[in-house]
Each structure stands twice: as structure tokens, then as C-alpha cells.
Amino acid sequence: MAEGRLLTRQGLRTRGQLLRAGRKVLEDRGYNATRIQDITDAAGVSVGTFYTYFDSKEELFRNLLIEVEDEVYGELADRRGGADVPAVRIAEANRLYLEAFRRNARFWAAIAESALSDEESRRVLTERRRYYRRRTIRALGRWQERGVIGPEVEIEAAAEALGAMTERCAYLWFVFGEPIALETAVEEVTAIWLATLGVG
């Protein structure tokens, strides 16, 4: 869909129907088995209507991915306020991330499948990971400038490694079904972040 295009109220409803249907079909059938026809059938619209709002299955997927990720970071931004205490911020970010991951586990399973088999999906996922890694690097850099994180910590490498660790744990716990209580998951992941960054 052309950037910046204004949609009518009906257009917004139809686009929302396609996104909801696309998500359900992706979760039920997996990324590779999902066809645009499956999405339009589930949404009750024509294939031509799909192309009014999205250029491809990959574009719809990108929009869904952004929506799911924004659940985490949007909530975190909404809760921002008070002192910028790293240990509190890290625990809060991990809790929001793991809660949202658990809530959307079936969709993350479809994401994992798409990233393994589809170059465009892998590119979209990599682009989004880079975006959020840059956000983490900015936060860590701010805390390092304040002396909360020591100068010996290489913040770019730490952001990459800690983000990957958190994501992998979330997949193991919530997609592959390793049993763990959410609070325990948050405590374990947060303890590793704090120990790696030298934050008490």
C-alpha cells in the first residue's frame, strides 16, 4: 500500500479484517502454507481487495510483526516516568517482553518458520531486531555515561548478546513449551542482564 495513504473508516475496517484474518491463518497454517487466498477467504473479501491494502503476504506479515512488537515497547513507553533506575527498567522491560511473547506465542512460532525459509521475512525480522537493538544501546549508553554501567562493558556487544539470550529463552519457554512460571522467567533473565552489565 502506498505510504501515507489516507483510508476511509470502511477502509480501516477492511484493512483490520485482513490483518486479523492473516494472523489467524498464519498461526493455524504456518507461514509457508499460508496463501493470500487463505487470508482473503478468512476475511471474507476478494483477492483484489487484499492488494488494495497490501502489496504482498510479506507486507502483511511485516505489519503484524510491528503490531506484536509494539505491544511490548508501546506499553513500556506508556509506563515511563519516575526515576530512570536501570535495574527497575530492565526488569520491567523483560516482564513486558516475556508477557507479550507468551501472549503471542503462536504468532512467534510462525515468525520463526518464516525466518528460516523466506529471505524477505528474514530481512524484515532482522530490520526490526536492529531497530530495537539500537534502542537498547541508547539506554545502556545513557546509563554508562552516568557511571551506572562500567566503562569496561562493550554496550553494543552486550545489547546484542542479552537481546538474543532473552529472545531465545522466550522461544524455549513459550513456543517449545518448557514449563516455567512467568515471574521465575523474569527473575532469571533479569539476573543475567544485571550481572552482565554489573548493575546492582
Protein backbone atom coordinates (compact mmCIF):
# COMPACT_ATOMS: atom_id res chain seq x y z
CA MET A 1 0.00 0.00 0.00
CA ALA A 2 1.31 3.47 -0.80
CA GLU A 3 2.92 5.18 2.16
CA GLY A 4 0.89 7.95 3.71
CA ARG A 5 -2.37 6.95 2.02
CA LEU A 6 -5.44 8.00 3.99
CA LEU A 7 -8.08 5.33 4.44
CA THR A 8 -11.79 5.81 4.93
CA ARG A 9 -13.43 4.38 8.02
CA GLN A 10 -14.56 1.40 5.91
CA GLY A 11 -11.04 1.06 4.50
CA LEU A 12 -9.59 0.94 8.01
CA ARG A 13 -12.14 -1.73 8.95
CA THR A 14 -11.29 -3.83 5.89
CA ARG A 15 -7.56 -3.50 6.49
CA GLY A 16 -8.11 -4.54 10.12
CA GLN A 17 -10.14 -7.58 8.96
CA LEU A 18 -7.26 -8.62 6.70
CA LEU A 19 -4.70 -8.23 9.49
CA ARG A 20 -6.79 -10.26 11.95
CA ALA A 21 -7.52 -12.94 9.37
CA GLY A 22 -3.88 -13.02 8.27
CA ARG A 23 -2.70 -13.51 11.81
CA LYS A 24 -5.15 -16.33 12.48
CA VAL A 25 -4.27 -18.14 9.24
CA LEU A 26 -0.53 -17.72 9.85
CA GLU A 27 -0.90 -19.15 13.34
CA ASP A 28 -3.10 -22.04 12.19
CA ARG A 29 -1.30 -23.00 8.96
CA GLY A 30 2.23 -21.68 9.39
CA TYR A 31 3.95 -19.11 7.23
CA ASN A 32 4.88 -21.30 4.26
CA ALA A 33 1.46 -22.91 3.87
CA THR A 34 -0.42 -19.61 4.08
CA ARG A 35 -1.61 -18.20 0.75
CA ILE A 36 -3.17 -14.82 0.10
CA GLN A 37 -6.35 -16.67 -0.94
CA ASP A 38 -6.49 -18.27 2.53
CA ILE A 39 -6.28 -14.84 4.14
CA THR A 40 -8.95 -13.29 1.94
CA ASP A 41 -11.25 -16.29 2.43
CA ALA A 42 -10.89 -15.93 6.21
CA ALA A 43 -11.51 -12.18 5.98
CA GLY A 44 -14.48 -12.58 3.64
CA VAL A 45 -13.04 -10.32 0.94
CA SER A 46 -11.67 -10.76 -2.57
CA VAL A 47 -8.01 -11.21 -3.50
CA GLY A 48 -8.25 -7.89 -5.34
CA THR A 49 -9.28 -6.22 -2.08
CA PHE A 50 -6.16 -7.63 -0.41
CA TYR A 51 -3.97 -5.84 -2.94
CA THR A 52 -5.73 -2.56 -2.20
CA TYR A 53 -4.16 -2.64 1.27
CA PHE A 54 -1.04 -4.80 0.99
CA ASP A 55 1.45 -5.44 -1.80
CA SER A 56 2.23 -8.98 -0.65
CA LYS A 57 1.92 -11.55 2.10
CA GLU A 58 5.31 -10.29 3.32
CA GLU A 59 3.97 -6.75 3.76
CA LEU A 60 1.02 -8.01 5.78
CA PHE A 61 3.44 -10.10 7.84
CA ARG A 62 5.65 -7.04 8.44
CA ASN A 63 2.65 -5.09 9.72
CA LEU A 64 1.66 -7.91 12.05
CA LEU A 65 5.22 -8.19 13.35
CA ILE A 66 5.35 -4.47 14.10
CA GLU A 67 1.98 -4.65 15.88
CA VAL A 68 3.13 -7.52 18.10
CA GLU A 69 6.47 -5.84 18.91
CA ASP A 70 4.77 -2.54 19.64
CA GLU A 71 2.71 -4.28 22.32
CA VAL A 72 5.95 -4.59 24.28
CA TYR A 73 7.62 -1.30 23.60
CA GLY A 74 4.44 0.76 23.48
CA GLU A 75 3.47 -0.45 26.94
CA LEU A 76 6.95 0.26 28.23
CA ALA A 77 6.86 3.81 26.85
CA ASP A 78 3.42 4.33 28.42
CA ARG A 79 4.76 3.30 31.82
CA ARG A 80 7.83 5.55 31.60
CA GLY A 81 8.04 8.03 34.43
CA GLY A 82 9.79 8.44 37.72
CA ALA A 83 13.47 7.76 38.22
CA ASP A 84 15.47 6.17 35.40
CA VAL A 85 16.73 3.29 37.55
CA PRO A 86 18.44 0.64 35.35
CA ALA A 87 17.60 -2.39 37.49
CA VAL A 88 13.92 -1.38 37.59
CA ARG A 89 13.79 -0.52 33.88
CA ILE A 90 15.46 -3.77 32.84
CA ALA A 91 13.13 -5.91 34.98
CA GLU A 92 10.09 -4.00 33.67
CA ALA A 93 11.21 -4.35 30.03
CA ASN A 94 11.85 -8.08 30.49
CA ARG A 95 8.45 -8.59 32.15
CA LEU A 96 6.63 -6.77 29.33
CA TYR A 97 8.60 -8.64 26.66
CA LEU A 98 8.03 -12.07 28.18
CA GLU A 99 4.34 -11.39 28.90
CA ALA A 100 3.78 -10.24 25.32
CA PHE A 101 5.80 -13.18 23.94
CA ARG A 102 3.75 -15.67 25.95
CA ARG A 103 0.51 -13.98 24.85
CA ASN A 104 1.60 -14.17 21.18
CA ALA A 105 3.46 -17.49 21.25
CA ARG A 106 1.61 -18.98 18.25
CA PHE A 107 2.45 -15.96 16.13
CA TRP A 108 6.13 -16.10 17.18
CA ALA A 109 6.18 -19.75 16.05
CA ALA A 110 5.03 -18.58 12.59
CA ILE A 111 7.73 -15.90 12.68
CA ALA A 112 10.42 -18.49 13.40
CA GLU A 113 9.24 -20.61 10.48
CA SER A 114 9.18 -17.66 8.10
CA ALA A 115 12.67 -16.51 9.10
CA LEU A 116 14.12 -19.95 8.33
CA SER A 117 12.54 -20.32 4.91
CA ASP A 118 11.87 -16.90 3.42
CA GLU A 119 14.57 -14.33 2.66
CA GLU A 120 12.20 -11.33 2.69
CA SER A 121 10.74 -12.35 6.06
CA ARG A 122 14.24 -12.82 7.43
CA ARG A 123 15.14 -9.34 6.19
CA VAL A 124 12.06 -7.82 7.87
CA LEU A 125 12.78 -9.61 11.15
CA THR A 126 16.46 -8.56 11.05
CA GLU A 127 15.47 -4.95 10.35
CA ARG A 128 13.12 -4.93 13.35
CA ARG A 129 15.73 -6.55 15.63
CA ARG A 130 18.27 -3.91 14.62
CA TYR A 131 15.76 -1.17 15.40
CA TYR A 132 15.16 -2.46 18.93
CA ARG A 133 18.85 -3.20 19.49
CA ARG A 134 19.59 0.46 18.74
CA ARG A 135 17.02 1.43 21.40
CA THR A 136 18.74 -0.84 23.92
CA ILE A 137 22.17 0.57 23.01
CA ARG A 138 20.90 4.12 23.59
CA ALA A 139 19.59 3.19 27.05
CA LEU A 140 22.78 1.36 28.01
CA GLY A 141 24.89 4.25 26.70
CA ARG A 142 22.91 6.71 28.81
CA TRP A 143 23.48 4.59 31.92
CA GLN A 144 27.16 4.17 31.08
CA GLU A 145 27.56 7.95 30.80
CA ARG A 146 26.02 8.26 34.27
CA GLY A 147 28.52 5.71 35.61
CA VAL A 148 25.89 3.10 36.47
CA ILE A 149 27.41 0.71 33.91
CA GLY A 150 31.21 0.49 33.99
CA PRO A 151 33.34 1.68 31.06
CA GLU A 152 34.66 -1.87 30.56
CA VAL A 153 31.25 -3.03 29.30
CA GLU A 154 31.07 -3.02 25.49
CA ILE A 155 27.48 -1.91 25.25
CA GLU A 156 26.85 -2.84 21.61
CA ALA A 157 28.02 -6.41 22.16
CA ALA A 158 26.08 -6.57 25.45
CA ALA A 159 22.88 -5.36 23.78
CA GLU A 160 23.26 -7.95 21.01
CA ALA A 161 24.02 -10.87 23.34
CA LEU A 162 21.47 -10.04 26.02
CA GLY A 163 18.71 -9.41 23.47
CA ALA A 164 19.44 -12.72 21.76
CA MET A 165 19.50 -14.56 25.09
CA THR A 166 16.14 -13.09 26.12
CA GLU A 167 14.54 -13.93 22.78
CA ARG A 168 15.88 -17.49 22.77
CA CYS A 169 14.68 -18.11 26.33
CA ALA A 170 11.24 -16.81 25.36
CA TYR A 171 11.10 -19.23 22.41
CA LEU A 172 12.15 -22.18 24.57
CA TRP A 173 9.69 -21.35 27.33
CA PHE A 174 6.64 -20.23 25.40
CA VAL A 175 6.88 -21.68 21.88
CA PHE A 176 8.57 -25.01 22.64
CA GLY A 177 6.71 -25.31 25.94
CA GLU A 178 9.46 -25.65 28.55
CA PRO A 179 7.48 -25.23 31.79
CA ILE A 180 8.28 -22.06 33.75
CA ALA A 181 6.31 -19.52 35.79
CA LEU A 182 6.36 -16.03 34.32
CA GLU A 183 7.81 -14.45 37.47
CA THR A 184 10.61 -17.02 37.52
CA ALA A 185 11.34 -16.33 33.86
CA VAL A 186 11.52 -12.58 34.51
CA GLU A 187 13.80 -13.06 37.53
CA GLU A 188 16.19 -15.40 35.71
CA VAL A 189 16.54 -13.26 32.60
CA THR A 190 16.84 -10.02 34.59
CA ALA A 191 19.53 -11.51 36.85
CA ILE A 192 21.64 -12.31 33.76
CA TRP A 193 21.18 -8.78 32.36
CA LEU A 194 22.19 -7.19 35.66
CA ALA A 195 25.17 -9.47 36.21
CA THR A 196 26.45 -8.92 32.65
CA LEU A 197 26.12 -5.14 32.95
CA GLY A 198 27.46 -5.02 36.52
CA VAL A 199 24.31 -3.32 37.77
CA GLY A 200 23.22 -3.99 41.34
